[in-house]
N, C-alpha and C. Protein backbone atom coordinates (compact mmCIF):
# COMPACT_ATOMS: atom_id res chain seq x y z
N MET A 1 0.86 -1.20 0.01
CA MET A 1 -0.02 -0.01 0.00
C MET A 1 0.87 1.24 0.01
N ALA A 2 0.53 2.20 -0.82
CA ALA A 2 1.31 3.46 -0.88
C ALA A 2 1.17 4.26 0.39
N ASP A 3 2.24 4.95 0.75
CA ASP A 3 2.19 5.81 1.93
C ASP A 3 1.22 6.90 1.68
N PRO A 4 0.50 7.33 2.72
CA PRO A 4 -0.46 8.45 2.57
C PRO A 4 0.27 9.72 2.26
N SER A 5 -0.34 10.62 1.55
CA SER A 5 0.28 11.91 1.22
C SER A 5 0.43 12.74 2.47
N PRO A 6 1.64 13.43 2.57
CA PRO A 6 1.84 14.29 3.75
C PRO A 6 1.11 15.67 3.63
N TYR A 7 0.47 15.88 2.47
CA TYR A 7 -0.07 17.22 2.19
C TYR A 7 -1.55 17.27 2.57
N ARG A 8 -1.90 18.35 3.31
CA ARG A 8 -3.22 18.56 3.76
C ARG A 8 -3.92 19.76 3.14
N ALA A 9 -3.11 20.54 2.39
CA ALA A 9 -3.72 21.75 1.79
C ALA A 9 -3.04 22.12 0.48
N VAL A 10 -3.75 22.72 -0.40
CA VAL A 10 -3.19 23.23 -1.70
C VAL A 10 -3.47 24.74 -1.70
N LEU A 11 -2.40 25.53 -1.87
CA LEU A 11 -2.52 26.97 -1.89
C LEU A 11 -2.24 27.42 -3.28
N TRP A 12 -3.05 28.40 -3.75
CA TRP A 12 -3.02 28.77 -5.14
C TRP A 12 -2.80 30.32 -5.29
N ASP A 13 -1.91 30.66 -6.23
CA ASP A 13 -1.91 32.02 -6.74
C ASP A 13 -3.21 32.15 -7.59
N PHE A 14 -3.55 33.41 -7.95
CA PHE A 14 -4.80 33.64 -8.70
C PHE A 14 -4.42 33.97 -10.18
N GLY A 15 -4.00 35.19 -10.42
CA GLY A 15 -3.66 35.59 -11.81
C GLY A 15 -2.49 34.77 -12.33
N GLY A 16 -2.68 34.10 -13.46
CA GLY A 16 -1.62 33.30 -14.04
C GLY A 16 -1.73 31.83 -13.62
N VAL A 17 -2.63 31.56 -12.71
CA VAL A 17 -2.86 30.19 -12.24
C VAL A 17 -4.30 29.80 -12.42
N ILE A 18 -5.19 30.43 -11.64
CA ILE A 18 -6.62 30.22 -11.77
C ILE A 18 -7.10 30.89 -13.08
N THR A 19 -6.50 32.03 -13.36
CA THR A 19 -6.81 32.71 -14.61
C THR A 19 -5.60 32.71 -15.52
N ALA A 20 -5.78 33.03 -16.77
CA ALA A 20 -4.67 33.06 -17.75
C ALA A 20 -3.70 34.11 -17.31
N SER A 21 -2.46 33.93 -17.70
CA SER A 21 -1.38 34.85 -17.31
C SER A 21 -1.54 36.22 -17.85
N PRO A 22 -1.36 37.27 -17.05
CA PRO A 22 -1.41 38.62 -17.58
C PRO A 22 -0.24 38.90 -18.52
N PHE A 23 0.81 38.08 -18.44
CA PHE A 23 2.01 38.31 -19.33
C PHE A 23 1.60 38.22 -20.81
N VAL A 24 0.62 37.37 -21.10
CA VAL A 24 0.17 37.25 -22.52
C VAL A 24 -0.46 38.62 -22.91
N ALA A 25 -1.26 39.21 -22.04
CA ALA A 25 -1.88 40.44 -22.31
C ALA A 25 -0.84 41.62 -22.39
N PHE A 26 0.18 41.51 -21.52
CA PHE A 26 1.29 42.44 -21.56
C PHE A 26 1.94 42.40 -22.90
N ASN A 27 2.24 41.19 -23.42
CA ASN A 27 2.91 41.06 -24.73
C ASN A 27 2.00 41.61 -25.87
N ALA A 28 0.70 41.41 -25.75
CA ALA A 28 -0.22 41.94 -26.73
C ALA A 28 -0.21 43.49 -26.78
N LEU A 29 -0.20 44.06 -25.58
CA LEU A 29 -0.09 45.51 -25.46
C LEU A 29 1.20 46.01 -26.01
N GLU A 30 2.31 45.37 -25.72
CA GLU A 30 3.60 45.78 -26.23
C GLU A 30 3.60 45.71 -27.78
N SER A 31 3.04 44.67 -28.30
CA SER A 31 2.96 44.51 -29.78
C SER A 31 2.14 45.64 -30.37
N ALA A 32 1.01 45.93 -29.74
CA ALA A 32 0.14 46.94 -30.29
C ALA A 32 0.75 48.35 -30.24
N ARG A 33 1.57 48.59 -29.24
CA ARG A 33 2.21 49.90 -29.11
C ARG A 33 3.57 49.98 -29.76
N GLY A 34 4.04 48.84 -30.34
CA GLY A 34 5.39 48.87 -30.98
C GLY A 34 6.51 48.92 -29.95
N LEU A 35 6.31 48.29 -28.80
CA LEU A 35 7.29 48.33 -27.73
C LEU A 35 8.07 47.04 -27.70
N PRO A 36 9.29 47.03 -27.14
CA PRO A 36 10.01 45.80 -27.02
C PRO A 36 9.26 44.76 -26.22
N ARG A 37 9.34 43.49 -26.69
CA ARG A 37 8.64 42.40 -26.00
C ARG A 37 9.19 42.26 -24.60
N ASP A 38 8.29 42.03 -23.65
CA ASP A 38 8.56 41.82 -22.23
C ASP A 38 9.11 43.06 -21.53
N ILE A 39 8.93 44.25 -22.14
CA ILE A 39 9.42 45.46 -21.49
C ILE A 39 8.67 45.77 -20.20
N ILE A 40 7.35 45.43 -20.12
CA ILE A 40 6.60 45.64 -18.94
C ILE A 40 7.15 44.80 -17.78
N ARG A 41 7.48 43.55 -18.07
CA ARG A 41 8.04 42.71 -17.05
C ARG A 41 9.40 43.20 -16.62
N ARG A 42 10.21 43.74 -17.53
CA ARG A 42 11.54 44.26 -17.17
C ARG A 42 11.39 45.49 -16.29
N ILE A 43 10.46 46.33 -16.61
CA ILE A 43 10.24 47.52 -15.77
C ILE A 43 9.80 47.12 -14.36
N ASN A 44 8.94 46.14 -14.28
CA ASN A 44 8.41 45.69 -12.98
C ASN A 44 9.45 44.87 -12.18
N ALA A 45 10.46 44.39 -12.88
CA ALA A 45 11.55 43.62 -12.22
C ALA A 45 12.65 44.51 -11.76
N THR A 46 12.67 45.81 -12.18
CA THR A 46 13.71 46.77 -11.80
C THR A 46 13.33 47.35 -10.44
N ASN A 47 14.27 47.24 -9.44
CA ASN A 47 13.95 47.68 -8.08
C ASN A 47 12.68 47.01 -7.57
N ALA A 48 12.68 45.67 -7.66
CA ALA A 48 11.44 44.90 -7.58
C ALA A 48 10.66 45.08 -6.29
N ASP A 49 11.29 45.39 -5.19
CA ASP A 49 10.61 45.48 -3.93
C ASP A 49 10.07 46.84 -3.63
N ASN A 50 10.53 47.88 -4.41
CA ASN A 50 10.11 49.23 -4.12
C ASN A 50 9.71 50.07 -5.31
N ASN A 51 9.48 49.45 -6.44
CA ASN A 51 9.04 50.15 -7.60
C ASN A 51 7.55 50.44 -7.52
N ALA A 52 7.03 51.09 -8.57
CA ALA A 52 5.58 51.44 -8.53
C ALA A 52 4.69 50.20 -8.44
N TRP A 53 5.08 49.14 -9.19
CA TRP A 53 4.28 47.88 -9.14
C TRP A 53 4.25 47.32 -7.74
N ALA A 54 5.40 47.19 -7.09
CA ALA A 54 5.42 46.60 -5.73
C ALA A 54 4.65 47.43 -4.75
N ARG A 55 4.80 48.74 -4.88
CA ARG A 55 4.08 49.58 -3.92
C ARG A 55 2.56 49.54 -4.17
N PHE A 56 2.17 49.40 -5.44
CA PHE A 56 0.75 49.29 -5.79
C PHE A 56 0.16 47.99 -5.25
N GLU A 57 0.91 46.89 -5.32
CA GLU A 57 0.45 45.62 -4.82
C GLU A 57 0.32 45.61 -3.29
N ARG A 58 1.07 46.50 -2.61
CA ARG A 58 0.93 46.60 -1.14
C ARG A 58 -0.07 47.70 -0.79
N ALA A 59 -0.70 48.30 -1.80
CA ALA A 59 -1.70 49.38 -1.59
C ALA A 59 -1.05 50.58 -0.90
N GLU A 60 0.18 50.84 -1.20
CA GLU A 60 0.87 52.02 -0.63
C GLU A 60 0.56 53.23 -1.49
N ILE A 61 0.17 53.01 -2.76
CA ILE A 61 -0.19 54.07 -3.67
C ILE A 61 -1.53 53.70 -4.36
N ASP A 62 -2.26 54.71 -4.85
CA ASP A 62 -3.51 54.43 -5.57
C ASP A 62 -3.26 54.32 -7.06
N ALA A 63 -4.33 54.02 -7.78
CA ALA A 63 -4.22 53.78 -9.23
C ALA A 63 -3.68 54.99 -9.98
N ALA A 64 -4.11 56.20 -9.56
CA ALA A 64 -3.62 57.38 -10.28
C ALA A 64 -2.14 57.62 -10.06
N THR A 65 -1.68 57.36 -8.83
CA THR A 65 -0.23 57.51 -8.58
C THR A 65 0.54 56.42 -9.30
N PHE A 66 0.04 55.24 -9.32
CA PHE A 66 0.72 54.15 -10.09
C PHE A 66 0.78 54.55 -11.56
N ASP A 67 -0.25 55.10 -12.12
CA ASP A 67 -0.25 55.50 -13.50
C ASP A 67 0.96 56.46 -13.79
N ARG A 68 1.10 57.45 -12.93
CA ARG A 68 2.15 58.39 -13.11
C ARG A 68 3.58 57.82 -12.85
N GLU A 69 3.68 57.06 -11.76
CA GLU A 69 5.00 56.55 -11.39
C GLU A 69 5.50 55.46 -12.35
N PHE A 70 4.58 54.63 -12.81
CA PHE A 70 4.94 53.62 -13.78
C PHE A 70 5.41 54.29 -15.08
N ALA A 71 4.69 55.31 -15.51
CA ALA A 71 5.08 56.06 -16.71
C ALA A 71 6.48 56.62 -16.61
N ALA A 72 6.81 57.12 -15.40
CA ALA A 72 8.19 57.61 -15.17
C ALA A 72 9.22 56.51 -15.25
N GLU A 73 8.86 55.34 -14.71
CA GLU A 73 9.81 54.25 -14.77
C GLU A 73 9.95 53.74 -16.22
N ALA A 74 8.87 53.74 -16.95
CA ALA A 74 8.92 53.32 -18.35
C ALA A 74 9.83 54.31 -19.12
N HIS A 75 9.71 55.59 -18.83
CA HIS A 75 10.48 56.60 -19.50
C HIS A 75 12.00 56.34 -19.23
N ALA A 76 12.33 55.88 -18.00
CA ALA A 76 13.72 55.58 -17.69
C ALA A 76 14.25 54.40 -18.52
N HIS A 77 13.28 53.58 -19.03
CA HIS A 77 13.63 52.45 -19.89
C HIS A 77 13.52 52.87 -21.39
N ARG A 78 13.31 54.18 -21.60
CA ARG A 78 13.21 54.74 -22.95
C ARG A 78 11.98 54.25 -23.71
N VAL A 79 10.90 54.05 -23.02
CA VAL A 79 9.62 53.70 -23.63
C VAL A 79 8.54 54.63 -23.11
N ASN A 80 7.48 54.83 -23.89
CA ASN A 80 6.38 55.67 -23.53
C ASN A 80 5.17 54.74 -23.22
N LEU A 81 4.86 54.61 -21.96
CA LEU A 81 3.77 53.69 -21.55
C LEU A 81 3.26 54.15 -20.22
N ASP A 82 1.90 54.31 -20.15
CA ASP A 82 1.26 54.71 -18.93
C ASP A 82 0.86 53.54 -18.10
N GLY A 83 0.75 53.71 -16.78
CA GLY A 83 0.38 52.62 -15.87
C GLY A 83 -1.08 52.20 -16.05
N ALA A 84 -1.96 53.12 -16.42
CA ALA A 84 -3.34 52.70 -16.60
C ALA A 84 -3.54 51.62 -17.65
N SER A 85 -2.75 51.68 -18.70
CA SER A 85 -2.85 50.67 -19.76
C SER A 85 -2.39 49.31 -19.24
N VAL A 86 -1.45 49.33 -18.31
CA VAL A 86 -0.95 48.05 -17.77
C VAL A 86 -2.02 47.46 -16.86
N ILE A 87 -2.65 48.31 -16.02
CA ILE A 87 -3.70 47.84 -15.12
C ILE A 87 -4.82 47.15 -15.94
N ALA A 88 -5.12 47.71 -17.09
CA ALA A 88 -6.22 47.15 -17.90
C ALA A 88 -5.93 45.71 -18.40
N CYS A 89 -4.67 45.29 -18.33
CA CYS A 89 -4.33 43.95 -18.80
C CYS A 89 -4.48 42.87 -17.71
N LEU A 90 -4.81 43.20 -16.50
CA LEU A 90 -4.64 42.30 -15.39
C LEU A 90 -5.67 41.19 -15.26
N SER A 91 -6.88 41.40 -15.76
CA SER A 91 -7.95 40.44 -15.54
C SER A 91 -7.97 39.43 -16.70
N GLY A 92 -7.38 38.24 -16.46
CA GLY A 92 -7.30 37.18 -17.51
C GLY A 92 -8.50 36.30 -17.49
N ALA A 93 -8.62 35.46 -18.54
CA ALA A 93 -9.75 34.52 -18.65
C ALA A 93 -9.57 33.40 -17.64
N VAL A 94 -10.67 32.94 -17.05
CA VAL A 94 -10.66 31.85 -16.09
C VAL A 94 -10.28 30.57 -16.79
N ARG A 95 -9.43 29.76 -16.15
CA ARG A 95 -9.07 28.43 -16.69
C ARG A 95 -10.00 27.41 -16.02
N PRO A 96 -10.92 26.82 -16.81
CA PRO A 96 -11.94 25.96 -16.17
C PRO A 96 -11.37 24.72 -15.50
N GLN A 97 -10.25 24.16 -16.04
CA GLN A 97 -9.68 22.98 -15.40
C GLN A 97 -9.15 23.29 -14.04
N MET A 98 -8.71 24.54 -13.79
CA MET A 98 -8.24 24.86 -12.45
C MET A 98 -9.43 25.01 -11.44
N VAL A 99 -10.54 25.53 -11.95
CA VAL A 99 -11.71 25.64 -11.07
C VAL A 99 -12.25 24.19 -10.75
N ALA A 100 -12.21 23.31 -11.78
CA ALA A 100 -12.63 21.94 -11.53
C ALA A 100 -11.72 21.28 -10.52
N ALA A 101 -10.41 21.60 -10.55
CA ALA A 101 -9.54 21.04 -9.57
C ALA A 101 -9.83 21.54 -8.19
N LEU A 102 -10.20 22.82 -8.01
CA LEU A 102 -10.62 23.31 -6.73
C LEU A 102 -11.81 22.53 -6.22
N ASP A 103 -12.75 22.29 -7.05
CA ASP A 103 -13.97 21.53 -6.62
C ASP A 103 -13.65 20.15 -6.23
N TRP A 104 -12.72 19.51 -6.97
CA TRP A 104 -12.31 18.11 -6.67
C TRP A 104 -11.65 18.04 -5.27
N LEU A 105 -10.74 19.01 -5.05
CA LEU A 105 -10.02 19.07 -3.75
C LEU A 105 -10.99 19.27 -2.59
N LYS A 106 -11.94 20.17 -2.77
CA LYS A 106 -12.91 20.38 -1.71
C LYS A 106 -13.70 19.15 -1.44
N ALA A 107 -14.13 18.48 -2.46
CA ALA A 107 -14.93 17.25 -2.27
C ALA A 107 -14.05 16.14 -1.59
N ALA A 108 -12.76 16.14 -1.86
CA ALA A 108 -11.87 15.17 -1.28
C ALA A 108 -11.43 15.53 0.13
N GLY A 109 -11.87 16.64 0.67
CA GLY A 109 -11.55 17.02 1.98
C GLY A 109 -10.18 17.67 2.18
N ILE A 110 -9.61 18.14 1.05
CA ILE A 110 -8.31 18.80 1.13
C ILE A 110 -8.49 20.29 1.12
N ALA A 111 -7.96 20.98 2.13
CA ALA A 111 -8.13 22.42 2.25
C ALA A 111 -7.50 23.16 1.10
N ILE A 112 -8.14 24.28 0.69
CA ILE A 112 -7.61 25.07 -0.37
C ILE A 112 -7.55 26.56 0.06
N GLY A 113 -6.54 27.21 -0.36
CA GLY A 113 -6.38 28.63 -0.03
C GLY A 113 -5.79 29.39 -1.20
N CYS A 114 -5.91 30.72 -1.17
CA CYS A 114 -5.37 31.56 -2.21
C CYS A 114 -4.48 32.60 -1.61
N ILE A 115 -3.25 32.74 -2.18
CA ILE A 115 -2.33 33.79 -1.81
C ILE A 115 -2.01 34.55 -3.07
N THR A 116 -2.50 35.80 -3.15
CA THR A 116 -2.34 36.54 -4.41
C THR A 116 -1.76 37.93 -4.20
N ASN A 117 -0.79 38.28 -5.06
CA ASN A 117 -0.35 39.63 -5.13
C ASN A 117 -1.33 40.38 -6.09
N ASN A 118 -2.09 41.28 -5.58
CA ASN A 118 -3.00 42.01 -6.43
C ASN A 118 -2.92 43.52 -6.11
N VAL A 119 -3.75 44.28 -6.77
CA VAL A 119 -3.67 45.70 -6.65
C VAL A 119 -5.07 46.26 -6.33
N PRO A 120 -5.11 47.45 -5.68
CA PRO A 120 -6.37 48.08 -5.32
C PRO A 120 -7.02 48.74 -6.53
N ALA A 121 -7.41 47.91 -7.56
CA ALA A 121 -8.02 48.47 -8.74
C ALA A 121 -8.98 47.40 -9.26
N GLY A 122 -9.99 47.83 -9.98
CA GLY A 122 -10.97 46.82 -10.50
C GLY A 122 -11.82 46.28 -9.35
N VAL A 123 -12.34 45.06 -9.57
CA VAL A 123 -13.22 44.43 -8.62
C VAL A 123 -12.62 43.09 -8.25
N GLY A 124 -12.35 42.90 -6.93
CA GLY A 124 -11.98 41.62 -6.40
C GLY A 124 -10.57 41.19 -6.79
N THR A 125 -10.24 39.97 -6.36
CA THR A 125 -8.87 39.47 -6.55
C THR A 125 -8.46 39.39 -7.99
N GLY A 126 -9.44 39.12 -8.87
CA GLY A 126 -9.12 39.08 -10.29
C GLY A 126 -9.05 40.40 -10.98
N MET A 127 -9.29 41.50 -10.24
CA MET A 127 -9.27 42.84 -10.81
C MET A 127 -10.21 42.97 -12.06
N ALA A 128 -11.33 42.32 -11.95
CA ALA A 128 -12.29 42.34 -13.08
C ALA A 128 -12.87 43.73 -13.32
N ARG A 129 -13.10 44.06 -14.53
CA ARG A 129 -13.61 45.38 -14.90
C ARG A 129 -15.13 45.44 -15.14
N ASP A 130 -15.80 44.25 -15.39
CA ASP A 130 -17.22 44.29 -15.67
C ASP A 130 -17.97 43.41 -14.71
N ALA A 131 -19.27 43.60 -14.63
CA ALA A 131 -20.12 42.91 -13.62
C ALA A 131 -20.12 41.42 -13.83
N THR A 132 -20.20 40.95 -15.11
CA THR A 132 -20.20 39.53 -15.38
C THR A 132 -18.99 38.84 -14.91
N LYS A 133 -17.81 39.45 -15.26
CA LYS A 133 -16.56 38.85 -14.84
C LYS A 133 -16.41 38.92 -13.34
N SER A 134 -16.84 39.97 -12.69
CA SER A 134 -16.74 40.11 -11.26
C SER A 134 -17.57 39.04 -10.54
N ALA A 135 -18.74 38.72 -11.09
CA ALA A 135 -19.55 37.68 -10.49
C ALA A 135 -18.90 36.31 -10.61
N GLU A 136 -18.24 36.06 -11.75
CA GLU A 136 -17.52 34.78 -11.97
C GLU A 136 -16.36 34.66 -10.98
N ILE A 137 -15.61 35.73 -10.82
CA ILE A 137 -14.52 35.78 -9.91
C ILE A 137 -14.96 35.57 -8.47
N SER A 138 -15.98 36.20 -8.09
CA SER A 138 -16.53 36.08 -6.73
C SER A 138 -16.97 34.63 -6.47
N ASP A 139 -17.53 34.00 -7.42
CA ASP A 139 -17.98 32.61 -7.27
C ASP A 139 -16.78 31.68 -7.03
N ILE A 140 -15.69 31.97 -7.71
CA ILE A 140 -14.44 31.16 -7.53
C ILE A 140 -13.85 31.45 -6.16
N LEU A 141 -13.79 32.72 -5.75
CA LEU A 141 -13.21 33.02 -4.46
C LEU A 141 -13.95 32.38 -3.27
N ALA A 142 -15.25 32.21 -3.45
CA ALA A 142 -16.06 31.62 -2.40
C ALA A 142 -15.67 30.17 -2.10
N ARG A 143 -14.94 29.58 -3.01
CA ARG A 143 -14.50 28.16 -2.81
C ARG A 143 -13.37 28.04 -1.82
N PHE A 144 -12.55 29.13 -1.67
CA PHE A 144 -11.34 29.01 -0.82
C PHE A 144 -11.61 29.05 0.64
N ASP A 145 -10.89 28.25 1.36
CA ASP A 145 -11.04 28.23 2.81
C ASP A 145 -10.39 29.45 3.43
N VAL A 146 -9.31 29.93 2.83
CA VAL A 146 -8.63 31.19 3.26
C VAL A 146 -8.15 31.93 2.06
N LEU A 147 -8.16 33.27 2.16
CA LEU A 147 -7.74 34.14 1.05
C LEU A 147 -6.87 35.23 1.58
N PHE A 148 -5.66 35.41 1.05
CA PHE A 148 -4.72 36.41 1.43
C PHE A 148 -4.36 37.28 0.24
N GLU A 149 -4.69 38.61 0.31
CA GLU A 149 -4.43 39.49 -0.80
C GLU A 149 -3.40 40.53 -0.42
N SER A 150 -2.36 40.71 -1.19
CA SER A 150 -1.31 41.70 -0.87
C SER A 150 -1.86 43.10 -0.69
N SER A 151 -2.82 43.49 -1.45
CA SER A 151 -3.35 44.86 -1.44
C SER A 151 -4.18 45.13 -0.15
N LYS A 152 -4.58 44.07 0.56
CA LYS A 152 -5.28 44.25 1.82
C LYS A 152 -4.36 44.09 3.02
N LEU A 153 -3.27 43.27 2.80
CA LEU A 153 -2.39 43.00 3.97
C LEU A 153 -1.24 43.93 4.02
N GLY A 154 -0.85 44.56 2.89
CA GLY A 154 0.37 45.34 2.86
C GLY A 154 1.64 44.52 2.82
N ILE A 155 1.46 43.22 2.49
CA ILE A 155 2.59 42.28 2.40
C ILE A 155 2.40 41.58 1.07
N ARG A 156 3.48 41.38 0.32
CA ARG A 156 3.39 40.68 -0.96
C ARG A 156 4.41 39.56 -1.05
N LYS A 157 4.02 38.54 -1.86
CA LYS A 157 4.98 37.48 -2.17
C LYS A 157 6.20 38.08 -2.87
N PRO A 158 7.37 37.57 -2.59
CA PRO A 158 7.69 36.34 -1.85
C PRO A 158 8.01 36.53 -0.38
N ASP A 159 7.48 37.51 0.27
CA ASP A 159 7.67 37.73 1.71
C ASP A 159 7.16 36.49 2.46
N ALA A 160 8.03 35.84 3.24
CA ALA A 160 7.66 34.58 3.92
C ALA A 160 6.45 34.73 4.80
N ARG A 161 6.19 35.93 5.27
CA ARG A 161 5.12 36.11 6.22
C ARG A 161 3.73 35.75 5.60
N ILE A 162 3.57 36.01 4.32
CA ILE A 162 2.26 35.78 3.74
C ILE A 162 1.95 34.29 3.57
N TYR A 163 2.99 33.48 3.26
CA TYR A 163 2.81 32.06 3.19
C TYR A 163 2.56 31.48 4.60
N GLN A 164 3.30 31.99 5.59
CA GLN A 164 3.17 31.51 6.98
C GLN A 164 1.79 31.79 7.45
N MET A 165 1.28 32.95 7.19
CA MET A 165 -0.12 33.35 7.59
C MET A 165 -1.12 32.35 7.08
N ALA A 166 -0.99 31.98 5.81
CA ALA A 166 -1.95 31.06 5.20
C ALA A 166 -1.93 29.74 5.90
N ALA A 167 -0.69 29.18 6.12
CA ALA A 167 -0.60 27.89 6.81
C ALA A 167 -1.17 27.96 8.19
N GLU A 168 -0.87 29.01 8.92
CA GLU A 168 -1.40 29.19 10.27
C GLU A 168 -2.91 29.30 10.29
N ALA A 169 -3.49 29.97 9.32
CA ALA A 169 -4.92 30.11 9.22
C ALA A 169 -5.61 28.77 9.01
N LEU A 170 -4.93 27.84 8.34
CA LEU A 170 -5.47 26.55 8.11
C LEU A 170 -5.12 25.57 9.25
N GLY A 171 -4.24 25.99 10.16
CA GLY A 171 -3.90 25.20 11.28
C GLY A 171 -2.95 24.04 10.98
N ILE A 172 -2.11 24.23 9.95
CA ILE A 172 -1.21 23.18 9.52
C ILE A 172 0.19 23.77 9.35
N ALA A 173 1.18 22.91 9.25
CA ALA A 173 2.58 23.34 9.01
C ALA A 173 2.80 23.66 7.51
N PRO A 174 3.71 24.55 7.21
CA PRO A 174 4.01 24.79 5.79
C PRO A 174 4.39 23.57 5.04
N ALA A 175 5.05 22.59 5.65
CA ALA A 175 5.46 21.37 4.99
C ALA A 175 4.28 20.52 4.61
N GLN A 176 3.12 20.81 5.06
CA GLN A 176 1.90 20.08 4.70
C GLN A 176 1.15 20.80 3.59
N CYS A 177 1.74 21.78 2.98
CA CYS A 177 1.10 22.55 1.93
C CYS A 177 1.80 22.39 0.57
N ILE A 178 0.99 22.36 -0.47
CA ILE A 178 1.52 22.47 -1.85
C ILE A 178 1.12 23.88 -2.33
N TYR A 179 2.02 24.54 -3.01
CA TYR A 179 1.76 25.88 -3.50
C TYR A 179 1.98 26.02 -4.99
N LEU A 180 1.02 26.64 -5.67
CA LEU A 180 1.14 26.83 -7.12
C LEU A 180 1.17 28.29 -7.46
N ASP A 181 2.15 28.66 -8.35
CA ASP A 181 2.31 30.02 -8.76
C ASP A 181 2.95 30.03 -10.17
N ASP A 182 2.65 31.11 -10.90
CA ASP A 182 3.30 31.18 -12.24
C ASP A 182 4.66 31.85 -12.24
N LEU A 183 5.06 32.43 -11.10
CA LEU A 183 6.35 33.08 -10.97
C LEU A 183 7.33 32.25 -10.12
N GLY A 184 8.48 32.02 -10.68
CA GLY A 184 9.52 31.22 -9.97
C GLY A 184 9.92 31.84 -8.63
N VAL A 185 9.98 33.19 -8.58
CA VAL A 185 10.43 33.80 -7.32
C VAL A 185 9.42 33.58 -6.21
N ASN A 186 8.13 33.50 -6.55
CA ASN A 186 7.11 33.22 -5.54
C ASN A 186 7.10 31.80 -5.13
N CYS A 187 7.38 30.88 -6.07
CA CYS A 187 7.53 29.47 -5.71
C CYS A 187 8.71 29.29 -4.80
N LYS A 188 9.78 29.96 -5.05
CA LYS A 188 10.99 29.84 -4.23
C LYS A 188 10.72 30.35 -2.81
N GLY A 189 9.93 31.44 -2.69
CA GLY A 189 9.55 31.86 -1.37
C GLY A 189 8.78 30.87 -0.56
N ALA A 190 7.86 30.15 -1.25
CA ALA A 190 7.12 29.13 -0.52
C ALA A 190 7.98 27.91 -0.25
N ALA A 191 8.84 27.54 -1.12
CA ALA A 191 9.72 26.41 -0.95
C ALA A 191 10.71 26.61 0.22
N GLN A 192 11.18 27.87 0.36
CA GLN A 192 12.10 28.16 1.42
C GLN A 192 11.45 28.00 2.81
N LEU A 193 10.15 28.09 2.85
CA LEU A 193 9.36 27.89 4.05
C LEU A 193 9.04 26.41 4.29
N GLY A 194 9.29 25.56 3.32
CA GLY A 194 9.05 24.17 3.48
C GLY A 194 7.88 23.60 2.62
N MET A 195 7.20 24.45 1.89
CA MET A 195 6.13 24.01 1.02
C MET A 195 6.63 23.38 -0.23
N ALA A 196 5.84 22.44 -0.76
CA ALA A 196 6.16 21.90 -2.09
C ALA A 196 5.60 22.88 -3.13
N ALA A 197 6.40 23.36 -3.99
CA ALA A 197 6.04 24.39 -4.92
C ALA A 197 5.97 23.86 -6.36
N ILE A 198 4.95 24.27 -7.09
CA ILE A 198 4.76 23.91 -8.49
C ILE A 198 4.68 25.22 -9.29
N LYS A 199 5.63 25.37 -10.23
CA LYS A 199 5.59 26.60 -11.11
C LYS A 199 4.64 26.31 -12.30
N VAL A 200 3.67 27.17 -12.40
CA VAL A 200 2.59 26.98 -13.35
C VAL A 200 2.94 27.70 -14.68
N GLY A 201 3.05 26.88 -15.75
CA GLY A 201 3.07 27.43 -17.12
C GLY A 201 1.83 26.90 -17.83
N ASP A 202 1.97 25.65 -18.36
CA ASP A 202 0.84 24.97 -18.86
C ASP A 202 -0.05 24.47 -17.76
N ALA A 203 -1.33 24.82 -17.76
CA ALA A 203 -2.24 24.47 -16.70
C ALA A 203 -2.38 22.94 -16.49
N ASP A 204 -2.51 22.21 -17.59
CA ASP A 204 -2.68 20.78 -17.48
C ASP A 204 -1.44 20.10 -16.88
N ALA A 205 -0.26 20.55 -17.30
CA ALA A 205 0.94 20.02 -16.77
C ALA A 205 1.09 20.30 -15.27
N ALA A 206 0.65 21.49 -14.84
CA ALA A 206 0.73 21.84 -13.44
C ALA A 206 -0.22 20.93 -12.63
N LEU A 207 -1.36 20.67 -13.16
CA LEU A 207 -2.31 19.79 -12.44
C LEU A 207 -1.79 18.37 -12.35
N GLU A 208 -1.15 17.89 -13.41
CA GLU A 208 -0.55 16.55 -13.41
C GLU A 208 0.47 16.46 -12.29
N ALA A 209 1.29 17.55 -12.13
CA ALA A 209 2.27 17.58 -11.10
C ALA A 209 1.60 17.59 -9.69
N LEU A 210 0.49 18.28 -9.58
CA LEU A 210 -0.24 18.36 -8.34
C LEU A 210 -0.77 17.00 -7.94
N TRP A 211 -1.45 16.34 -8.88
CA TRP A 211 -1.98 15.04 -8.55
C TRP A 211 -0.88 14.04 -8.19
N LYS A 212 0.26 14.13 -8.82
CA LYS A 212 1.40 13.25 -8.51
C LYS A 212 1.90 13.44 -7.06
N LEU A 213 1.98 14.74 -6.65
CA LEU A 213 2.40 15.01 -5.28
C LEU A 213 1.39 14.50 -4.27
N LEU A 214 0.08 14.68 -4.62
CA LEU A 214 -0.99 14.21 -3.70
C LEU A 214 -1.15 12.73 -3.70
N GLY A 215 -0.69 12.09 -4.74
CA GLY A 215 -0.87 10.62 -4.87
C GLY A 215 -2.33 10.23 -5.21
N THR A 216 -3.09 11.19 -5.68
CA THR A 216 -4.46 10.95 -6.06
C THR A 216 -4.93 12.08 -6.89
N GLY A 217 -6.12 11.93 -7.52
CA GLY A 217 -6.63 12.97 -8.36
C GLY A 217 -7.94 12.53 -9.01
N PRO A 218 -8.57 13.38 -9.87
CA PRO A 218 -9.82 13.07 -10.45
C PRO A 218 -9.92 11.79 -11.25
N LYS A 219 -8.74 11.34 -11.79
CA LYS A 219 -8.83 10.14 -12.62
C LYS A 219 -8.72 8.82 -11.81
N ASP A 220 -8.45 8.98 -10.52
CA ASP A 220 -8.27 7.76 -9.70
C ASP A 220 -9.64 7.17 -9.35
């Protein structure tokens, strides 16, 4: 008989995991504006803990201030791009297989939580801009046992505190958690705390890795 899985909870990033990656929308914006590919990510990676993006995710600045400060950072990279256009890219399409996975985990008695770096703009964790999308996002959020948002806590991944808070809220050790994120730096933050981390690119491949760690899944 196989040994039981040591994992009692699965923690999820939201944008880029439950929903499609905003990086695809970033690239589309760059293409439409004739800008270098991945320039938005490069701007946001410069002075990563204290730039406009980081401060916006901690709700230290509002959308109007982000618009101005991001534009200044873009200018320093010799491109003309406002922050408001970047914000408009944030709400990606929901990945139905990820939502189905949430439902399966709940039915199997495995706790689920969400740890997301988001910004105080739009509606909800998914930063949706319209009522239909907002309702869809709200329905997904209702599935989670715990929800931790950087813009409400003033703490953003990969700060170890936000992962620790999620584990403590569930009453389990970090080593009993699996964490999924589309950014390697955030996976590293979780892994350093003892969580099993899965970097999400292809959604189906990520789920295959999840079921392998758990030793069970919808096909069993």
